[in-house]
Protein backbone atom coordinates (compact mmCIF):
# COMPACT_ATOMS: atom_id res chain seq x y z
CA UNK A 1 -45.93 -65.77 -82.80
CA UNK A 2 -48.23 -63.97 -79.96
CA UNK A 3 -48.79 -60.62 -80.39
CA UNK A 4 -46.68 -58.31 -78.35
CA UNK A 5 -49.04 -56.56 -75.76
CA UNK A 6 -48.35 -52.81 -76.06
CA UNK A 7 -47.34 -51.70 -72.02
CA UNK A 8 -49.97 -48.98 -72.22
CA UNK A 9 -52.91 -52.08 -72.39
CA UNK A 10 -51.36 -53.22 -69.03
CA UNK A 11 -54.02 -54.04 -66.14
CA UNK A 12 -52.83 -52.00 -62.82
CA UNK A 13 -52.91 -54.02 -59.86
CA UNK A 14 -51.94 -54.17 -56.61
CA UNK A 15 -50.66 -57.23 -54.48
CA UNK A 16 -49.49 -57.85 -50.85
CA UNK A 17 -46.07 -57.56 -51.91
CA UNK A 18 -46.65 -54.51 -53.92
CA UNK A 19 -48.58 -53.26 -50.13
CA UNK A 20 -45.66 -54.39 -47.73
CA UNK A 21 -43.47 -52.79 -50.50
CA UNK A 22 -45.02 -49.20 -49.62
CA UNK A 23 -45.99 -49.68 -46.11
CA UNK A 24 -42.17 -50.01 -45.82
CA UNK A 25 -40.78 -47.18 -47.82
CA UNK A 26 -43.76 -44.71 -45.73
CA UNK A 27 -41.93 -45.69 -42.93
CA UNK A 28 -38.46 -45.11 -43.64
CA UNK A 29 -39.35 -41.82 -45.04
CA UNK A 30 -41.22 -40.82 -41.73
CA UNK A 31 -37.56 -41.54 -40.58
CA UNK A 32 -35.83 -39.52 -42.91
CA UNK A 33 -38.17 -36.54 -41.44
CA UNK A 34 -36.76 -36.72 -38.21
CA UNK A 35 -33.11 -36.09 -39.65
CA UNK A 36 -31.41 -32.57 -39.84
CA UNK A 37 -28.85 -34.52 -42.18
CA UNK A 38 -31.37 -34.45 -45.20
CA UNK A 39 -31.45 -31.18 -46.57
CA UNK A 40 -31.14 -30.39 -50.14
CA UNK A 41 -27.35 -31.37 -51.14
CA UNK A 42 -25.77 -30.28 -54.39
CA UNK A 43 -23.72 -33.08 -54.84
CA UNK A 44 -26.40 -35.58 -54.85
CA UNK A 45 -28.52 -33.25 -57.20
CA UNK A 46 -25.45 -33.11 -59.33
CA UNK A 47 -25.22 -37.41 -59.43
CA UNK A 48 -29.54 -37.96 -59.66
CA UNK A 49 -28.32 -35.47 -62.86
CA UNK A 50 -25.67 -37.88 -63.98
CA UNK A 51 -27.70 -40.59 -63.62
CA UNK A 52 -30.30 -39.74 -65.75
CA UNK A 53 -28.74 -39.29 -68.62
CA UNK A 54 -26.63 -42.52 -67.94
CA UNK A 55 -29.84 -43.83 -68.74
CA UNK A 56 -30.09 -41.90 -72.15
CA UNK A 57 -26.31 -43.43 -72.76
CA UNK A 58 -25.26 -39.38 -72.52
CA UNK A 59 -21.94 -39.60 -70.06
CA UNK A 60 -19.85 -36.10 -68.75
CA UNK A 61 -16.67 -35.36 -69.69
CA UNK A 62 -14.72 -34.11 -66.81
CA UNK A 63 -14.79 -30.35 -67.88
CA UNK A 64 -18.18 -30.89 -68.33
CA UNK A 65 -18.80 -32.23 -64.73
CA UNK A 66 -17.34 -29.45 -63.15
CA UNK A 67 -19.47 -26.74 -65.29
CA UNK A 68 -22.30 -28.15 -64.57
CA UNK A 69 -21.45 -28.38 -60.34
CA UNK A 70 -20.80 -24.40 -61.00
CA UNK A 71 -24.37 -24.11 -62.84
CA UNK A 72 -22.84 -23.54 -66.24
CA UNK A 73 -24.30 -24.01 -69.04
CA UNK A 74 -22.76 -27.25 -71.25
CA UNK A 75 -21.63 -26.31 -74.51
CA UNK A 76 -22.95 -28.58 -77.00
CA UNK A 77 -25.19 -30.21 -74.02
CA UNK A 78 -27.73 -27.49 -72.64
CA UNK A 79 -30.21 -30.17 -71.32
CA UNK A 80 -28.04 -31.11 -69.02
CA UNK A 81 -28.11 -27.50 -67.11
CA UNK A 82 -31.47 -26.97 -67.83
CA UNK A 83 -32.10 -30.58 -65.80
CA UNK A 84 -29.61 -29.61 -63.00
CA UNK A 85 -32.30 -26.55 -62.46
CA UNK A 86 -35.38 -28.71 -62.36
CA UNK A 87 -33.75 -30.74 -60.14
CA UNK A 88 -32.91 -28.11 -57.71
CA UNK A 89 -36.56 -26.81 -58.02
CA UNK A 90 -38.15 -30.37 -57.65
CA UNK A 91 -39.44 -30.40 -54.31
CA UNK A 92 -41.68 -26.74 -55.90
CA UNK A 93 -42.82 -28.86 -58.48
CA UNK A 94 -46.73 -29.95 -58.88
CA UNK A 95 -46.28 -33.69 -60.44
CA UNK A 96 -49.54 -34.25 -60.60
CA UNK A 97 -50.40 -30.88 -63.19
CA UNK A 98 -50.31 -32.03 -66.91
CA UNK A 99 -49.02 -28.98 -67.94
CA UNK A 100 -45.40 -29.49 -66.32
CA UNK A 101 -44.38 -32.37 -69.20
CA UNK A 102 -44.77 -28.80 -71.62
CA UNK A 103 -42.35 -26.94 -69.05
CA UNK A 104 -40.40 -30.11 -69.07
CA UNK A 105 -40.23 -30.07 -72.81
CA UNK A 106 -39.51 -26.39 -72.80
CA UNK A 107 -36.99 -26.87 -71.05
CA UNK A 108 -34.91 -29.62 -71.89
CA UNK A 109 -35.35 -28.62 -75.77
CA UNK A 110 -35.03 -24.49 -75.67
CA UNK A 111 -35.26 -25.13 -79.95
CA UNK A 112 -38.20 -26.58 -79.86
CA UNK A 113 -40.35 -29.88 -78.24
CA UNK A 114 -39.56 -33.07 -80.25
CA UNK A 115 -42.74 -35.02 -79.66
CA UNK A 116 -42.86 -38.57 -81.11
CA UNK A 117 -44.81 -39.00 -84.75
CA UNK A 118 -43.44 -42.26 -84.57
CA UNK A 119 -44.45 -45.18 -83.82
CA UNK A 120 -40.93 -46.50 -83.28
CA UNK A 121 -38.57 -45.42 -80.76
CA UNK A 122 -35.11 -46.41 -80.35
CA UNK A 123 -34.29 -49.00 -77.38
CA UNK A 124 -38.31 -49.10 -76.67
CA UNK A 125 -38.93 -51.93 -78.32
CA UNK A 126 -42.49 -52.18 -76.87
CA UNK A 127 -45.67 -51.25 -79.38
CA UNK A 128 -46.48 -47.50 -78.47
CA UNK A 129 -50.02 -45.36 -79.51
CA UNK A 130 -50.17 -43.16 -82.15
CA UNK A 131 -49.22 -39.62 -82.01
CA UNK A 132 -52.69 -38.52 -82.27
CA UNK A 133 -53.35 -40.69 -78.99
CA UNK A 134 -50.69 -39.30 -76.82
CA UNK A 135 -52.33 -36.37 -75.70
CA UNK A 136 -55.65 -38.27 -74.57
CA UNK A 137 -53.84 -40.93 -73.32
CA UNK A 138 -51.40 -38.44 -70.86
CA UNK A 139 -54.61 -37.02 -70.28
CA UNK A 140 -56.62 -40.15 -68.84
CA UNK A 141 -53.20 -41.11 -66.98
CA UNK A 142 -53.25 -37.81 -65.26
CA UNK A 143 -57.33 -37.98 -64.37
CA UNK A 144 -56.31 -41.74 -62.94
CA UNK A 145 -53.59 -40.29 -61.02
CA UNK A 146 -55.73 -37.47 -59.59
CA UNK A 147 -58.76 -39.41 -58.59
CA UNK A 148 -59.20 -41.14 -55.45
CA UNK A 149 -58.02 -41.38 -52.14
CA UNK A 150 -56.79 -45.01 -52.45
CA UNK A 151 -54.17 -43.88 -55.15
CA UNK A 152 -51.22 -43.72 -52.87
CA UNK A 153 -48.60 -41.21 -53.96
CA UNK A 154 -45.42 -44.22 -53.25
CA UNK A 155 -47.76 -46.24 -55.87
CA UNK A 156 -48.27 -43.68 -58.04
CA UNK A 157 -44.77 -42.68 -58.19
CA UNK A 158 -43.80 -46.07 -59.83
CA UNK A 159 -46.93 -46.12 -61.95
CA UNK A 160 -45.68 -42.48 -63.31
CA UNK A 161 -42.63 -44.31 -64.65
CA UNK A 162 -44.40 -47.19 -66.11
CA UNK A 163 -47.06 -45.20 -67.69
CA UNK A 164 -44.93 -42.21 -69.33
CA UNK A 165 -42.30 -45.10 -71.09
CA UNK A 166 -45.75 -46.96 -72.39
CA UNK A 167 -47.19 -43.25 -74.06
CA UNK A 168 -43.85 -42.37 -75.21
CA UNK A 169 -44.44 -38.11 -75.61
CA UNK A 170 -40.97 -37.42 -76.54
CA UNK A 171 -39.06 -38.89 -79.38
CA UNK A 172 -35.90 -38.58 -76.85
CA UNK A 173 -35.05 -37.99 -73.22
CA UNK A 174 -38.51 -39.36 -72.53
CA UNK A 175 -37.16 -41.39 -69.80
CA UNK A 176 -35.45 -38.48 -68.30
CA UNK A 177 -39.17 -36.93 -67.82
CA UNK A 178 -40.31 -40.50 -66.36
CA UNK A 179 -37.69 -41.03 -64.04
CA UNK A 180 -38.09 -37.22 -62.94
CA UNK A 181 -41.82 -37.19 -62.53
CA UNK A 182 -41.50 -40.32 -60.51
CA UNK A 183 -39.10 -39.02 -58.50
CA UNK A 184 -41.04 -35.38 -58.23
CA UNK A 185 -44.27 -37.78 -56.91
CA UNK A 186 -42.15 -39.09 -54.16
CA UNK A 187 -41.02 -35.40 -52.80
CA UNK A 188 -44.59 -34.25 -52.97
CA UNK A 189 -45.38 -36.93 -50.82
CA UNK A 190 -42.13 -36.32 -48.64
CA UNK A 191 -39.46 -33.57 -49.31
CA UNK A 192 -36.27 -35.32 -48.19
CA UNK A 193 -37.05 -38.03 -51.08
CA UNK A 194 -34.91 -34.82 -52.86
CA UNK A 195 -31.89 -36.10 -50.98
CA UNK A 196 -32.14 -39.89 -51.71
CA UNK A 197 -30.02 -41.12 -54.53
CA UNK A 198 -33.07 -42.98 -56.51
CA UNK A 199 -32.07 -42.20 -60.08
CA UNK A 200 -28.44 -43.67 -58.88
CA UNK A 201 -29.87 -46.32 -57.57
CA UNK A 202 -31.82 -47.10 -61.04
CA UNK A 203 -29.20 -46.20 -63.12
CA UNK A 204 -26.94 -48.97 -61.42
CA UNK A 205 -30.12 -51.68 -61.38
CA UNK A 206 -31.20 -50.22 -65.35
CA UNK A 207 -31.42 -54.52 -66.24
CA UNK A 208 -32.93 -55.59 -63.27
CA UNK A 209 -35.62 -52.83 -63.90
CA UNK A 210 -35.47 -53.68 -68.01
CA UNK A 211 -36.54 -57.01 -67.05
CA UNK A 212 -39.15 -56.57 -64.70
CA UNK A 213 -40.54 -54.32 -67.44
CA UNK A 214 -40.16 -56.65 -69.87
CA UNK A 215 -42.26 -59.50 -67.65
CA UNK A 216 -44.97 -56.67 -67.14
CA UNK A 217 -45.87 -56.51 -70.53
CA UNK A 218 -45.25 -59.98 -71.23
CA UNK A 219 -48.16 -60.62 -68.44
CA UNK A 220 -50.12 -57.42 -69.43
CA UNK A 221 -49.72 -56.33 -65.42
CA UNK A 222 -48.12 -53.13 -63.97
CA UNK A 223 -47.67 -55.61 -61.06
CA UNK A 224 -44.03 -57.14 -61.58
CA UNK A 225 -42.50 -53.64 -62.63
CA UNK A 226 -44.22 -51.58 -59.80
CA UNK A 227 -42.49 -54.10 -57.28
CA UNK A 228 -39.45 -53.94 -58.59
CA UNK A 229 -39.35 -50.74 -58.39
CA UNK A 230 -40.62 -49.84 -54.99
CA UNK A 231 -37.83 -52.43 -54.17
CA UNK A 232 -35.38 -50.20 -55.29
CA UNK A 233 -36.83 -47.30 -53.52
CA UNK A 234 -35.91 -49.29 -50.64
CA UNK A 235 -32.52 -49.79 -51.16
CA UNK A 236 -32.40 -45.92 -51.98
CA UNK A 237 -33.66 -44.84 -48.95
CA UNK A 238 -31.62 -47.38 -47.08
CA UNK A 239 -28.44 -45.87 -48.71
CA UNK A 240 -29.29 -42.11 -48.06
CA UNK A 241 -29.95 -43.57 -44.40
CA UNK A 242 -26.37 -44.56 -44.08
CA UNK A 243 -24.85 -41.32 -46.01
CA UNK A 244 -26.93 -39.58 -43.77
CA UNK A 245 -26.05 -41.70 -40.59
CA UNK A 246 -22.12 -41.14 -41.80
CA UNK A 247 -22.38 -37.32 -42.20
CA UNK A 248 -24.38 -37.38 -38.38
CA UNK A 249 -21.13 -39.18 -36.71
CA UNK A 250 -18.53 -37.61 -38.44
CA UNK A 251 -19.10 -34.22 -39.74
CA UNK A 252 -16.76 -31.56 -41.03
CA UNK A 253 -13.11 -30.99 -39.73
CA UNK A 254 -14.14 -27.61 -38.61
CA UNK A 255 -17.51 -28.58 -37.00
CA UNK A 256 -15.68 -31.75 -35.32
CA UNK A 257 -12.54 -29.00 -34.32
CA UNK A 258 -16.23 -27.01 -32.60
CA UNK A 259 -17.30 -30.01 -30.50
CA UNK A 260 -13.62 -30.81 -29.40
CA UNK A 261 -13.53 -27.21 -27.84
CA UNK A 262 -16.83 -27.74 -25.72
CA UNK A 263 -17.94 -29.28 -22.44
CA UNK A 264 -20.35 -31.75 -22.17
CA UNK A 265 -23.83 -30.81 -20.69
CA UNK A 266 -22.95 -26.94 -21.48
CA UNK A 267 -24.63 -24.58 -23.44
CA UNK A 268 -22.60 -21.98 -25.39
CA UNK A 269 -22.74 -18.26 -26.57
CA UNK A 270 -21.96 -17.54 -29.98
CA UNK A 271 -19.42 -15.18 -28.17
CA UNK A 272 -18.00 -17.68 -26.05
CA UNK A 273 -17.74 -19.91 -29.02
CA UNK A 274 -15.57 -17.26 -30.92
CA UNK A 275 -13.40 -16.63 -27.72
CA UNK A 276 -12.75 -20.61 -27.23
CA UNK A 277 -11.70 -20.87 -31.45
CA UNK A 278 -9.55 -17.48 -31.44
CA UNK A 279 -12.13 -16.46 -34.02
CA UNK A 280 -13.47 -12.87 -34.85
CA UNK A 281 -16.41 -12.98 -37.42
CA UNK A 282 -19.04 -14.29 -36.55
CA UNK A 283 -20.13 -15.24 -40.00
CA UNK A 284 -17.34 -17.28 -40.32
CA UNK A 285 -18.53 -19.13 -37.25
CA UNK A 286 -22.04 -19.42 -38.12
CA UNK A 287 -21.21 -20.55 -41.97
CA UNK A 288 -17.71 -22.66 -41.07
CA UNK A 289 -18.73 -24.20 -37.87
CA UNK A 290 -22.46 -23.91 -36.14
CA UNK A 291 -24.07 -24.73 -39.23
CA UNK A 292 -21.73 -27.61 -40.58
CA UNK A 293 -21.92 -28.90 -37.04
CA UNK A 294 -25.61 -28.54 -36.49
CA UNK A 295 -26.20 -30.41 -39.63
CA UNK A 296 -23.88 -33.44 -38.89
CA UNK A 297 -26.36 -33.91 -35.59
CA UNK A 298 -23.05 -32.42 -33.65
CA UNK A 299 -24.70 -29.59 -31.62
CA UNK A 300 -28.34 -28.40 -31.19
CA UNK A 301 -29.74 -25.25 -30.01
CA UNK A 302 -31.15 -24.01 -26.51
CA UNK A 303 -34.40 -22.44 -28.67
CA UNK A 304 -34.66 -24.37 -32.13
CA UNK A 305 -38.15 -23.09 -32.80
CA UNK A 306 -36.20 -19.48 -33.17
CA UNK A 307 -32.29 -20.31 -34.86
CA UNK A 308 -32.11 -16.88 -35.71
CA UNK A 309 -32.28 -15.48 -32.05
CA UNK A 310 -29.25 -13.19 -31.64
CA UNK A 311 -29.24 -14.44 -27.60
CA UNK A 312 -29.12 -18.25 -28.87
CA UNK A 313 -26.29 -21.02 -27.30
CA UNK A 314 -25.65 -23.97 -28.43
CA UNK A 315 -24.77 -27.46 -26.86
CA UNK A 316 -22.34 -30.59 -27.67
CA UNK A 317 -24.94 -33.45 -28.26
CA UNK A 318 -24.47 -36.64 -26.46
CA UNK A 319 -24.52 -40.28 -28.59
CA UNK A 320 -23.47 -42.75 -25.93
CA UNK A 321 -27.48 -43.84 -26.29
């Protein structure tokens, strides 16, 4: 029986299929940036954290889910709330800074980081490096990731997942770290990725990804896994676009009510909108009507470069084309 190859010994190669997928992702990411609907969505944030724990074999009870959405710590599972906070600040994280691994560990494991000592980790059947080699290998990969303009973030995102899993720095929650860094690299490339349900799709396609990882180990080449991961990124972007279009076309009930009161082609001041809606509070108008309608793409500003202009006016957007 042939000796099993360690994932960290796999070659990093790029083929035409990978390049094509990366180009598609870059194009679709550009399209996301043009939509006002792709801002940080608390529900997407929660679903990503939920999916990350699901991949670790951890599920939330209904009460835990409610507490997590409220930003409360979950008794017996404080790492869930810590991960929610880490995901919320992902757009401000530098995934290329190796010190973030220590920051991640301190947040998820407040009682002490379980750095891996053994050469075996439950549920990861491949050879992994000795404990003494963990830090040097991490430094080597980070040096590789930061050197050379040809190392595009879209490709590096998949490699971050592959290599963190191969090195296994923690004795638990290493996959959580790998998923976080993979998405953080994409978010650093295009902030709109923060609202793409990437981890959720990876959880749905866990077996597909595991098979791709196995092929990469068998062939000693990261290409099979990188291609599978990038294709899932493509699918996640398309899912986000469909969600954005639904939000754009539908909006909230109050946003739709606002639009129904507006005439085509006419700009309205806030005072005029208060009158036609029978409201008295400008704060309530802004929070419940204007902001949801703007996010859904149902209305537009006369002066979008200064959105807080006290003389700002709004008109209904035509979707005839």
